[in-house]
Amino acid sequence: MEKLKERITENGIDYILAGDYYIPDLKLPEEDRPIGCYGRLHWEYLKQEHPARYSSLILTGKLWTYLADLNEQAEEIINSELIYTM
């Protein structure tokens, strides 16, 4: 019997051997920015009020980036409002 290769590429997708099966070698984009307070609040809001959008963001690997961007925007708005009130 022929020994199975450890890694294969088919249709542009890399697969790794796990037991007797090949599974896709998927990697999520690495995001190192913190999501902060506003990102965490929006995370809970998405889970409770928009579960389809939440699932879509998770499955595409964009949830953390989306929340980090949202947190930065919220902090910019709050900081700009604090400057105008002083």
PDB file of N, CA and C in Angstrom:
ATOM      1  N   MET A   1       0.844  -1.187   0.000  1.00  0.00           N
ATOM      2  CA  MET A   1       0.000   0.000   0.000  1.00  0.00           C
ATOM      3  C   MET A   1       0.888   1.248   0.000  1.00  0.00           C
ATOM      4  N   GLU A   2       0.483   2.224  -0.771  1.00  0.00           N
ATOM      5  CA  GLU A   2       1.243   3.462  -0.912  1.00  0.00           C
ATOM      6  C   GLU A   2       1.069   4.340   0.328  1.00  0.00           C
ATOM      7  N   LYS A   3       2.179   4.888   0.810  1.00  0.00           N
ATOM      8  CA  LYS A   3       2.138   5.786   1.971  1.00  0.00           C
ATOM      9  C   LYS A   3       1.572   7.131   1.526  1.00  0.00           C
ATOM     10  N   LEU A   4       0.653   7.679   2.317  1.00  0.00           N
ATOM     11  CA  LEU A   4       0.032   8.957   1.997  1.00  0.00           C
ATOM     12  C   LEU A   4       0.998  10.098   2.291  1.00  0.00           C
ATOM     13  N   LYS A   5       0.955  11.121   1.445  1.00  0.00           N
ATOM     14  CA  LYS A   5       1.802  12.293   1.653  1.00  0.00           C
ATOM     15  C   LYS A   5       1.292  13.077   2.861  1.00  0.00           C
ATOM     16  N   GLU A   6       2.218  13.710   3.574  1.00  0.00           N
ATOM     17  CA  GLU A   6       1.866  14.497   4.764  1.00  0.00           C
ATOM     18  C   GLU A   6       1.081  15.759   4.394  1.00  0.00           C
ATOM     19  N   ARG A   7       1.434  16.392   3.281  1.00  0.00           N
ATOM     20  CA  ARG A   7       0.770  17.619   2.822  1.00  0.00           C
ATOM     21  C   ARG A   7       0.501  17.509   1.325  1.00  0.00           C
ATOM     22  N   ILE A   8      -0.669  18.008   0.913  1.00  0.00           N
ATOM     23  CA  ILE A   8      -0.980  18.092  -0.515  1.00  0.00           C
ATOM     24  C   ILE A   8      -1.637  19.437  -0.785  1.00  0.00           C
ATOM     25  N   THR A   9      -1.612  19.856  -2.034  1.00  0.00           N
ATOM     26  CA  THR A   9      -2.305  21.069  -2.471  1.00  0.00           C
ATOM     27  C   THR A   9      -3.210  20.698  -3.626  1.00  0.00           C
ATOM     28  N   GLU A  10      -4.466  21.076  -3.495  1.00  0.00           N
ATOM     29  CA  GLU A  10      -5.431  20.789  -4.543  1.00  0.00           C
ATOM     30  C   GLU A  10      -6.383  21.967  -4.667  1.00  0.00           C
ATOM     31  N   ASN A  11      -6.593  22.426  -5.897  1.00  0.00           N
ATOM     32  CA  ASN A  11      -7.460  23.581  -6.154  1.00  0.00           C
ATOM     33  C   ASN A  11      -7.032  24.816  -5.360  1.00  0.00           C
ATOM     34  N   GLY A  12      -5.740  24.968  -5.140  1.00  0.00           N
ATOM     35  CA  GLY A  12      -5.224  26.135  -4.440  1.00  0.00           C
ATOM     36  C   GLY A  12      -5.364  26.087  -2.929  1.00  0.00           C
ATOM     37  N   ILE A  13      -5.788  24.947  -2.383  1.00  0.00           N
ATOM     38  CA  ILE A  13      -5.955  24.815  -0.941  1.00  0.00           C
ATOM     39  C   ILE A  13      -4.972  23.768  -0.440  1.00  0.00           C
ATOM     40  N   ASP A  14      -4.262  24.097   0.631  1.00  0.00           N
ATOM     41  CA  ASP A  14      -3.325  23.150   1.241  1.00  0.00           C
ATOM     42  C   ASP A  14      -4.085  22.240   2.200  1.00  0.00           C
ATOM     43  N   TYR A  15      -3.740  20.960   2.176  1.00  0.00           N
ATOM     44  CA  TYR A  15      -4.336  19.977   3.071  1.00  0.00           C
ATOM     45  C   TYR A  15      -3.230  19.269   3.836  1.00  0.00           C
ATOM     46  N   ILE A  16      -3.524  18.918   5.102  1.00  0.00           N
ATOM     47  CA  ILE A  16      -2.578  18.151   5.893  1.00  0.00           C
ATOM     48  C   ILE A  16      -3.233  16.827   6.275  1.00  0.00           C
ATOM     49  N   LEU A  17      -2.414  15.818   6.438  1.00  0.00           N
ATOM     50  CA  LEU A  17      -2.901  14.486   6.771  1.00  0.00           C
ATOM     51  C   LEU A  17      -3.155  14.392   8.271  1.00  0.00           C
ATOM     52  N   ALA A  18      -4.363  13.994   8.625  1.00  0.00           N
ATOM     53  CA  ALA A  18      -4.737  13.787  10.026  1.00  0.00           C
ATOM     54  C   ALA A  18      -5.340  12.388  10.118  1.00  0.00           C
ATOM     55  N   GLY A  19      -4.543  11.448  10.542  1.00  0.00           N
ATOM     56  CA  GLY A  19      -5.004  10.061  10.561  1.00  0.00           C
ATOM     57  C   GLY A  19      -5.077   9.545   9.133  1.00  0.00           C
ATOM     58  N   ASP A  20      -6.263   9.167   8.700  1.00  0.00           N
ATOM     59  CA  ASP A  20      -6.471   8.688   7.336  1.00  0.00           C
ATOM     60  C   ASP A  20      -7.125   9.740   6.445  1.00  0.00           C
ATOM     61  N   TYR A  21      -7.342  10.940   6.949  1.00  0.00           N
ATOM     62  CA  TYR A  21      -8.076  11.971   6.219  1.00  0.00           C
ATOM     63  C   TYR A  21      -7.206  13.197   5.989  1.00  0.00           C
ATOM     64  N   TYR A  22      -7.487  13.889   4.899  1.00  0.00           N
ATOM     65  CA  TYR A  22      -6.860  15.182   4.640  1.00  0.00           C
ATOM     66  C   TYR A  22      -7.836  16.267   5.068  1.00  0.00           C
ATOM     67  N   ILE A  23      -7.338  17.191   5.863  1.00  0.00           N
ATOM     68  CA  ILE A  23      -8.165  18.325   6.280  1.00  0.00           C
ATOM     69  C   ILE A  23      -7.515  19.613   5.780  1.00  0.00           C
ATOM     70  N   PRO A  24      -8.322  20.634   5.462  1.00  0.00           N
ATOM     71  CA  PRO A  24      -7.746  21.899   4.977  1.00  0.00           C
ATOM     72  C   PRO A  24      -6.853  22.536   6.028  1.00  0.00           C
ATOM     73  N   ASP A  25      -5.741  23.060   5.583  1.00  0.00           N
ATOM     74  CA  ASP A  25      -4.808  23.756   6.470  1.00  0.00           C
ATOM     75  C   ASP A  25      -5.180  25.238   6.448  1.00  0.00           C
ATOM     76  N   LEU A  26      -6.163  25.603   7.252  1.00  0.00           N
ATOM     77  CA  LEU A  26      -6.681  26.965   7.282  1.00  0.00           C
ATOM     78  C   LEU A  26      -6.017  27.752   8.392  1.00  0.00           C
ATOM     79  N   LYS A  27      -5.690  28.985   8.095  1.00  0.00           N
ATOM     80  CA  LYS A  27      -5.080  29.865   9.083  1.00  0.00           C
ATOM     81  C   LYS A  27      -5.878  31.162   9.130  1.00  0.00           C
ATOM     82  N   LEU A  28      -6.175  31.602  10.337  1.00  0.00           N
ATOM     83  CA  LEU A  28      -6.855  32.875  10.514  1.00  0.00           C
ATOM     84  C   LEU A  28      -5.848  34.002  10.448  1.00  0.00           C
ATOM     85  N   PRO A  29      -6.279  35.161   9.943  1.00  0.00           N
ATOM     86  CA  PRO A  29      -5.352  36.293   9.945  1.00  0.00           C
ATOM     87  C   PRO A  29      -5.009  36.681  11.377  1.00  0.00           C
ATOM     88  N   GLU A  30      -3.762  37.029  11.591  1.00  0.00           N
ATOM     89  CA  GLU A  30      -3.333  37.396  12.932  1.00  0.00           C
ATOM     90  C   GLU A  30      -3.567  38.881  13.156  1.00  0.00           C
ATOM     91  N   GLU A  31      -4.271  39.165  14.222  1.00  0.00           N
ATOM     92  CA  GLU A  31      -4.581  40.548  14.587  1.00  0.00           C
ATOM     93  C   GLU A  31      -4.106  40.739  16.014  1.00  0.00           C
ATOM     94  N   ASP A  32      -3.246  41.714  16.238  1.00  0.00           N
ATOM     95  CA  ASP A  32      -2.710  41.896  17.578  1.00  0.00           C
ATOM     96  C   ASP A  32      -3.222  43.158  18.259  1.00  0.00           C
ATOM     97  N   ARG A  33      -4.112  43.886  17.589  1.00  0.00           N
ATOM     98  CA  ARG A  33      -4.670  45.080  18.232  1.00  0.00           C
ATOM     99  C   ARG A  33      -5.713  44.660  19.266  1.00  0.00           C
ATOM    100  N   PRO A  34      -5.780  45.354  20.389  1.00  0.00           N
ATOM    101  CA  PRO A  34      -6.797  45.017  21.384  1.00  0.00           C
ATOM    102  C   PRO A  34      -8.170  45.491  20.926  1.00  0.00           C
ATOM    103  N   ILE A  35      -9.213  44.780  21.362  1.00  0.00           N
ATOM    104  CA  ILE A  35     -10.563  45.203  20.981  1.00  0.00           C
ATOM    105  C   ILE A  35     -11.132  46.203  21.982  1.00  0.00           C
ATOM    106  N   GLY A  36     -10.575  46.284  23.165  1.00  0.00           N
ATOM    107  CA  GLY A  36     -10.964  47.305  24.136  1.00  0.00           C
ATOM    108  C   GLY A  36     -12.387  47.178  24.636  1.00  0.00           C
ATOM    109  N   CYS A  37     -12.787  48.166  25.384  1.00  0.00           N
ATOM    110  CA  CYS A  37     -14.100  48.190  26.021  1.00  0.00           C
ATOM    111  C   CYS A  37     -15.229  48.238  24.992  1.00  0.00           C
ATOM    112  N   TYR A  38     -15.113  49.128  24.018  1.00  0.00           N
ATOM    113  CA  TYR A  38     -16.181  49.307  23.042  1.00  0.00           C
ATOM    114  C   TYR A  38     -16.278  48.117  22.099  1.00  0.00           C
ATOM    115  N   GLY A  39     -15.167  47.504  21.793  1.00  0.00           N
ATOM    116  CA  GLY A  39     -15.179  46.296  20.980  1.00  0.00           C
ATOM    117  C   GLY A  39     -15.866  45.150  21.690  1.00  0.00           C
ATOM    118  N   ARG A  40     -15.589  45.013  22.997  1.00  0.00           N
ATOM    119  CA  ARG A  40     -16.231  43.945  23.771  1.00  0.00           C
ATOM    120  C   ARG A  40     -17.727  44.185  23.896  1.00  0.00           C
ATOM    121  N   LEU A  41     -18.127  45.435  24.075  1.00  0.00           N
ATOM    122  CA  LEU A  41     -19.557  45.745  24.146  1.00  0.00           C
ATOM    123  C   LEU A  41     -20.253  45.400  22.818  1.00  0.00           C
ATOM    124  N   HIS A  42     -19.612  45.746  21.722  1.00  0.00           N
ATOM    125  CA  HIS A  42     -20.204  45.458  20.417  1.00  0.00           C
ATOM    126  C   HIS A  42     -20.215  43.954  20.141  1.00  0.00           C
ATOM    127  N   TRP A  43     -19.209  43.243  20.637  1.00  0.00           N
ATOM    128  CA  TRP A  43     -19.152  41.794  20.503  1.00  0.00           C
ATOM    129  C   TRP A  43     -20.396  41.155  21.132  1.00  0.00           C
ATOM    130  N   GLU A  44     -20.715  41.560  22.358  1.00  0.00           N
ATOM    131  CA  GLU A  44     -21.902  41.043  23.041  1.00  0.00           C
ATOM    132  C   GLU A  44     -23.179  41.435  22.301  1.00  0.00           C
ATOM    133  N   TYR A  45     -23.225  42.668  21.809  1.00  0.00           N
ATOM    134  CA  TYR A  45     -24.381  43.134  21.043  1.00  0.00           C
ATOM    135  C   TYR A  45     -24.587  42.281  19.796  1.00  0.00           C
ATOM    136  N   LEU A  46     -23.499  42.009  19.059  1.00  0.00           N
ATOM    137  CA  LEU A  46     -23.608  41.184  17.854  1.00  0.00           C
ATOM    138  C   LEU A  46     -24.108  39.780  18.189  1.00  0.00           C
ATOM    139  N   LYS A  47     -23.559  39.180  19.245  1.00  0.00           N
ATOM    140  CA  LYS A  47     -23.961  37.828  19.612  1.00  0.00           C
ATOM    141  C   LYS A  47     -25.453  37.755  19.951  1.00  0.00           C
ATOM    142  N   GLN A  48     -25.960  38.777  20.653  1.00  0.00           N
ATOM    143  CA  GLN A  48     -27.351  38.741  21.094  1.00  0.00           C
ATOM    144  C   GLN A  48     -28.336  39.210  20.032  1.00  0.00           C
ATOM    145  N   GLU A  49     -28.003  40.283  19.331  1.00  0.00           N
ATOM    146  CA  GLU A  49     -28.966  40.913  18.432  1.00  0.00           C
ATOM    147  C   GLU A  49     -28.792  40.571  16.954  1.00  0.00           C
ATOM    148  N   HIS A  50     -27.589  40.196  16.540  1.00  0.00           N
ATOM    149  CA  HIS A  50     -27.311  39.902  15.129  1.00  0.00           C
ATOM    150  C   HIS A  50     -26.466  38.629  14.997  1.00  0.00           C
ATOM    151  N   PRO A  51     -27.040  37.488  15.387  1.00  0.00           N
ATOM    152  CA  PRO A  51     -26.253  36.251  15.376  1.00  0.00           C
ATOM    153  C   PRO A  51     -25.770  35.843  13.982  1.00  0.00           C
ATOM    154  N   ALA A  52     -26.518  36.169  12.938  1.00  0.00           N
ATOM    155  CA  ALA A  52     -26.081  35.814  11.573  1.00  0.00           C
ATOM    156  C   ALA A  52     -24.843  36.614  11.182  1.00  0.00           C
ATOM    157  N   ARG A  53     -24.839  37.902  11.459  1.00  0.00           N
ATOM    158  CA  ARG A  53     -23.670  38.739  11.159  1.00  0.00           C
ATOM    159  C   ARG A  53     -22.476  38.299  11.993  1.00  0.00           C
ATOM    160  N   TYR A  54     -22.721  37.978  13.262  1.00  0.00           N
ATOM    161  CA  TYR A  54     -21.667  37.499  14.156  1.00  0.00           C
ATOM    162  C   TYR A  54     -21.038  36.222  13.600  1.00  0.00           C
ATOM    163  N   SER A  55     -21.870  35.278  13.196  1.00  0.00           N
ATOM    164  CA  SER A  55     -21.362  34.018  12.637  1.00  0.00           C
ATOM    165  C   SER A  55     -20.588  34.255  11.351  1.00  0.00           C
ATOM    166  N   SER A  56     -21.085  35.152  10.518  1.00  0.00           N
ATOM    167  CA  SER A  56     -20.404  35.459   9.262  1.00  0.00           C
ATOM    168  C   SER A  56     -19.015  36.042   9.514  1.00  0.00           C
ATOM    169  N   LEU A  57     -18.909  36.954  10.461  1.00  0.00           N
ATOM    170  CA  LEU A  57     -17.616  37.548  10.796  1.00  0.00           C
ATOM    171  C   LEU A  57     -16.648  36.513  11.360  1.00  0.00           C
ATOM    172  N   ILE A  58     -17.158  35.603  12.163  1.00  0.00           N
ATOM    173  CA  ILE A  58     -16.297  34.550  12.715  1.00  0.00           C
ATOM    174  C   ILE A  58     -15.809  33.630  11.603  1.00  0.00           C
ATOM    175  N   LEU A  59     -16.722  33.200  10.745  1.00  0.00           N
ATOM    176  CA  LEU A  59     -16.364  32.245   9.698  1.00  0.00           C
ATOM    177  C   LEU A  59     -15.406  32.824   8.667  1.00  0.00           C
ATOM    178  N   THR A  60     -15.468  34.119   8.433  1.00  0.00           N
ATOM    179  CA  THR A  60     -14.546  34.742   7.479  1.00  0.00           C
ATOM    180  C   THR A  60     -13.245  35.183   8.143  1.00  0.00           C
ATOM    181  N   GLY A  61     -13.173  35.082   9.479  1.00  0.00           N
ATOM    182  CA  GLY A  61     -11.957  35.465  10.192  1.00  0.00           C
ATOM    183  C   GLY A  61     -11.792  36.964  10.329  1.00  0.00           C
ATOM    184  N   LYS A  62     -12.868  37.708  10.230  1.00  0.00           N
ATOM    185  CA  LYS A  62     -12.792  39.167  10.277  1.00  0.00           C
ATOM    186  C   LYS A  62     -13.330  39.770  11.563  1.00  0.00           C
ATOM    187  N   LEU A  63     -13.788  38.952  12.500  1.00  0.00           N
ATOM    188  CA  LEU A  63     -14.421  39.483  13.711  1.00  0.00           C
ATOM    189  C   LEU A  63     -13.458  40.351  14.518  1.00  0.00           C
ATOM    190  N   TRP A  64     -12.261  39.857  14.790  1.00  0.00           N
ATOM    191  CA  TRP A  64     -11.325  40.605  15.646  1.00  0.00           C
ATOM    192  C   TRP A  64     -10.924  41.927  15.000  1.00  0.00           C
ATOM    193  N   THR A  65     -10.662  41.905  13.697  1.00  0.00           N
ATOM    194  CA  THR A  65     -10.296  43.140  12.991  1.00  0.00           C
ATOM    195  C   THR A  65     -11.453  44.135  13.029  1.00  0.00           C
ATOM    196  N   TYR A  66     -12.661  43.643  12.789  1.00  0.00           N
ATOM    197  CA  TYR A  66     -13.863  44.484  12.822  1.00  0.00           C
ATOM    198  C   TYR A  66     -14.015  45.149  14.197  1.00  0.00           C
ATOM    199  N   LEU A  67     -13.854  44.364  15.266  1.00  0.00           N
ATOM    200  CA  LEU A  67     -14.010  44.908  16.617  1.00  0.00           C
ATOM    201  C   LEU A  67     -12.884  45.870  16.978  1.00  0.00           C
ATOM    202  N   ALA A  68     -11.663  45.588  16.541  1.00  0.00           N
ATOM    203  CA  ALA A  68     -10.536  46.493  16.814  1.00  0.00           C
ATOM    204  C   ALA A  68     -10.745  47.822  16.094  1.00  0.00           C
ATOM    205  N   ASP A  69     -11.199  47.778  14.834  1.00  0.00           N
ATOM    206  CA  ASP A  69     -11.489  49.012  14.086  1.00  0.00           C
ATOM    207  C   ASP A  69     -12.586  49.809  14.776  1.00  0.00           C
ATOM    208  N   LEU A  70     -13.650  49.123  15.185  1.00  0.00           N
ATOM    209  CA  LEU A  70     -14.763  49.788  15.850  1.00  0.00           C
ATOM    210  C   LEU A  70     -14.304  50.446  17.148  1.00  0.00           C
ATOM    211  N   ASN A  71     -13.473  49.761  17.913  1.00  0.00           N
ATOM    212  CA  ASN A  71     -12.968  50.314  19.163  1.00  0.00           C
ATOM    213  C   ASN A  71     -12.136  51.571  18.910  1.00  0.00           C
ATOM    214  N   GLU A  72     -11.269  51.529  17.896  1.00  0.00           N
ATOM    215  CA  GLU A  72     -10.453  52.705  17.577  1.00  0.00           C
ATOM    216  C   GLU A  72     -11.318  53.883  17.155  1.00  0.00           C
ATOM    217  N   GLN A  73     -12.349  53.641  16.360  1.00  0.00           N
ATOM    218  CA  GLN A  73     -13.245  54.713  15.931  1.00  0.00           C
ATOM    219  C   GLN A  73     -13.976  55.315  17.123  1.00  0.00           C
ATOM    220  N   ALA A  74     -14.458  54.459  18.023  1.00  0.00           N
ATOM    221  CA  ALA A  74     -15.176  54.955  19.199  1.00  0.00           C
ATOM    222  C   ALA A  74     -14.253  55.788  20.085  1.00  0.00           C
ATOM    223  N   GLU A  75     -13.026  55.331  20.275  1.00  0.00           N
ATOM    224  CA  GLU A  75     -12.086  56.097  21.102  1.00  0.00           C
ATOM    225  C   GLU A  75     -11.737  57.439  20.462  1.00  0.00           C
ATOM    226  N   GLU A  76     -11.597  57.475  19.130  1.00  0.00           N
ATOM    227  CA  GLU A  76     -11.327  58.745  18.441  1.00  0.00           C
ATOM    228  C   GLU A  76     -12.475  59.721  18.627  1.00  0.00           C
ATOM    229  N   ILE A  77     -13.701  59.234  18.522  1.00  0.00           N
ATOM    230  CA  ILE A  77     -14.874  60.097  18.686  1.00  0.00           C
ATOM    231  C   ILE A  77     -14.931  60.645  20.107  1.00  0.00           C
ATOM    232  N   ILE A  78     -14.730  59.786  21.071  1.00  0.00           N
ATOM    233  CA  ILE A  78     -14.781  60.217  22.478  1.00  0.00           C
ATOM    234  C   ILE A  78     -13.657  61.199  22.777  1.00  0.00           C
ATOM    235  N   ASN A  79     -12.444  60.924  22.295  1.00  0.00           N
ATOM    236  CA  ASN A  79     -11.329  61.838  22.535  1.00  0.00           C
ATOM    237  C   ASN A  79     -11.551  63.185  21.852  1.00  0.00           C
ATOM    238  N   SER A  80     -12.124  63.200  20.659  1.00  0.00           N
ATOM    239  CA  SER A  80     -12.368  64.469  19.985  1.00  0.00           C
ATOM    240  C   SER A  80     -13.459  65.262  20.701  1.00  0.00           C
ATOM    241  N   GLU A  81     -14.454  64.587  21.264  1.00  0.00           N
ATOM    242  CA  GLU A  81     -15.503  65.270  22.016  1.00  0.00           C
ATOM    243  C   GLU A  81     -14.945  65.832  23.318  1.00  0.00           C
ATOM    244  N   LEU A  82     -14.011  65.125  23.938  1.00  0.00           N
ATOM    245  CA  LEU A  82     -13.405  65.627  25.169  1.00  0.00           C
ATOM    246  C   LEU A  82     -12.594  66.884  24.911  1.00  0.00           C
ATOM    247  N   ILE A  83     -11.937  66.950  23.771  1.00  0.00           N
ATOM    248  CA  ILE A  83     -11.150  68.136  23.421  1.00  0.00           C
ATOM    249  C   ILE A  83     -12.058  69.341  23.238  1.00  0.00           C
ATOM    250  N   TYR A  84     -13.207  69.142  22.575  1.00  0.00           N
ATOM    251  CA  TYR A  84     -14.125  70.258  22.320  1.00  0.00           C
ATOM    252  C   TYR A  84     -14.829  70.734  23.574  1.00  0.00           C
ATOM    253  N   THR A  85     -14.973  69.883  24.574  1.00  0.00           N
ATOM    254  CA  THR A  85     -15.671  70.298  25.791  1.00  0.00           C
ATOM    255  C   THR A  85     -14.745  70.997  26.776  1.00  0.00           C
ATOM    256  N   MET A  86     -13.444  70.923  26.550  1.00  0.00           N
ATOM    257  CA  MET A  86     -12.509  71.566  27.479  1.00  0.00           C
ATOM    258  C   MET A  86     -12.354  73.023  27.203  1.00  0.00           C
TER     259      MET A  86
END
